[in-house]
């Protein structure tokens, strides 16, 4: 088997028959509040092994929407903390926001170091 034929197995081609069961907005919210893919599969009554196989395929919409859900939730929290910190009335919120920004900066630095070429 040629290398291109092997790599074709790792790419998303057709939606599985259970895909219409997944409400994408709800799925993103579940990811955003911290549910793992295995738990989300259980929530939608999808065999975990099957769900994870599709989740890890190259170009997987499941992975994309999972990552997007986490990003959207973090962004909403960051925006909320930013707005509260700007008023200067809530010192605790300003401290949380500073911690949040440092954590995001650290994650971005790690990503740049290891995945800058990707």
Protein backbone atom coordinates (compact mmCIF):
# COMPACT_ATOMS: atom_id res chain seq x y z
CA UNK A 1 0.00 0.00 0.00
CA UNK A 2 1.37 3.40 -0.93
CA UNK A 3 1.97 6.09 1.67
CA UNK A 4 -0.78 8.33 0.23
CA UNK A 5 -3.26 5.47 0.50
CA UNK A 6 -2.37 4.97 4.16
CA UNK A 7 -2.67 8.67 4.98
CA UNK A 8 -6.10 8.74 3.31
CA UNK A 9 -7.40 6.53 6.13
CA UNK A 10 -6.47 9.23 8.64
CA UNK A 11 -8.58 11.93 6.99
CA UNK A 12 -12.24 12.81 7.43
CA UNK A 13 -14.24 11.82 4.35
CA UNK A 14 -17.87 11.15 5.15
CA UNK A 15 -19.95 11.91 8.21
CA UNK A 16 -20.80 8.88 10.33
CA UNK A 17 -24.48 7.97 10.54
CA UNK A 18 -24.72 9.35 14.09
CA UNK A 19 -23.39 12.82 13.19
CA UNK A 20 -26.87 14.41 12.73
CA UNK A 21 -27.58 13.64 16.41
CA UNK A 22 -25.00 16.21 17.46
CA UNK A 23 -26.21 19.77 17.93
CA UNK A 24 -22.99 21.67 17.10
CA UNK A 25 -23.78 24.69 19.30
CA UNK A 26 -24.54 22.44 22.25
CA UNK A 27 -21.46 20.34 21.48
CA UNK A 28 -19.25 23.44 21.56
CA UNK A 29 -20.79 24.53 24.87
CA UNK A 30 -20.13 21.08 26.37
CA UNK A 31 -16.50 21.31 25.27
CA UNK A 32 -16.27 24.85 26.62
CA UNK A 33 -17.39 23.86 30.09
CA UNK A 34 -14.81 21.11 30.23
CA UNK A 35 -16.37 17.81 29.18
CA UNK A 36 -13.91 15.38 27.62
CA UNK A 37 -14.66 13.85 24.19
CA UNK A 38 -15.41 10.49 25.86
CA UNK A 39 -18.07 12.11 28.04
CA UNK A 40 -19.59 13.95 25.10
CA UNK A 41 -19.82 10.67 23.18
CA UNK A 42 -21.70 9.17 26.13
CA UNK A 43 -23.96 12.23 26.31
CA UNK A 44 -24.97 11.75 22.66
CA UNK A 45 -25.24 7.95 23.07
CA UNK A 46 -22.44 7.29 20.59
CA UNK A 47 -19.99 4.41 21.13
CA UNK A 48 -16.90 6.03 22.62
CA UNK A 49 -14.43 4.13 20.45
CA UNK A 50 -16.28 5.13 17.28
CA UNK A 51 -16.57 8.77 18.36
CA UNK A 52 -12.88 9.01 19.28
CA UNK A 53 -11.82 7.47 15.97
CA UNK A 54 -13.67 10.19 14.05
CA UNK A 55 -12.55 12.84 16.55
CA UNK A 56 -8.86 12.12 15.85
CA UNK A 57 -9.08 12.04 12.04
CA UNK A 58 -7.26 14.77 10.14
CA UNK A 59 -9.76 17.49 9.29
CA UNK A 60 -12.28 16.26 11.85
CA UNK A 61 -15.17 18.67 12.38
CA UNK A 62 -15.59 17.06 15.80
CA UNK A 63 -12.09 18.17 16.82
CA UNK A 64 -12.52 21.60 15.25
CA UNK A 65 -15.79 22.31 17.07
CA UNK A 66 -14.42 20.89 20.32
CA UNK A 67 -11.41 23.23 20.16
CA UNK A 68 -13.66 26.12 19.11
CA UNK A 69 -15.97 25.51 22.05
CA UNK A 70 -13.06 25.70 24.46
CA UNK A 71 -11.74 28.86 22.77
CA UNK A 72 -15.14 30.60 22.81
CA UNK A 73 -15.62 29.86 26.50
CA UNK A 74 -12.12 31.12 27.38
CA UNK A 75 -12.67 34.22 25.27
CA UNK A 76 -16.01 34.98 26.96
CA UNK A 77 -14.41 34.60 30.38
CA UNK A 78 -11.49 36.77 29.34
CA UNK A 79 -13.74 39.49 27.94
CA UNK A 80 -15.88 39.44 31.07
CA UNK A 81 -12.82 39.66 33.31
CA UNK A 82 -11.39 42.42 31.14
CA UNK A 83 -14.55 44.51 31.42
CA UNK A 84 -14.72 44.02 35.20
CA UNK A 85 -11.02 44.76 35.65
CA UNK A 86 -11.25 47.98 33.61
CA UNK A 87 -13.72 49.54 36.02
CA UNK A 88 -11.16 49.18 38.80
CA UNK A 89 -13.92 48.47 41.31
CA UNK A 90 -13.20 44.79 41.70
CA UNK A 91 -9.61 44.12 42.76
CA UNK A 92 -10.12 40.35 42.85
CA UNK A 93 -11.43 40.36 39.29
CA UNK A 94 -8.44 42.45 38.17
CA UNK A 95 -6.09 39.91 39.76
CA UNK A 96 -7.93 37.01 38.11
CA UNK A 97 -7.70 38.80 34.76
CA UNK A 98 -3.96 39.37 35.18
CA UNK A 99 -3.50 35.67 36.00
CA UNK A 100 -5.64 34.74 32.97
CA UNK A 101 -3.56 36.94 30.63
CA UNK A 102 -0.31 35.45 31.93
CA UNK A 103 -1.63 31.91 31.42
CA UNK A 104 -2.73 32.74 27.86
CA UNK A 105 0.65 34.33 27.13
CA UNK A 106 2.41 31.23 28.42
CA UNK A 107 0.26 28.91 26.28
CA UNK A 108 0.84 31.07 23.21
CA UNK A 109 4.60 31.06 23.80
CA UNK A 110 4.66 27.27 24.09
CA UNK A 111 2.59 26.95 20.91
CA UNK A 112 4.91 29.32 19.03
CA UNK A 113 8.01 27.41 20.13
CA UNK A 114 6.72 23.95 19.26
CA UNK A 115 4.21 24.55 16.47
CA UNK A 116 5.33 27.74 14.72
CA UNK A 117 6.01 25.92 11.46
CA UNK A 118 2.72 24.00 11.46
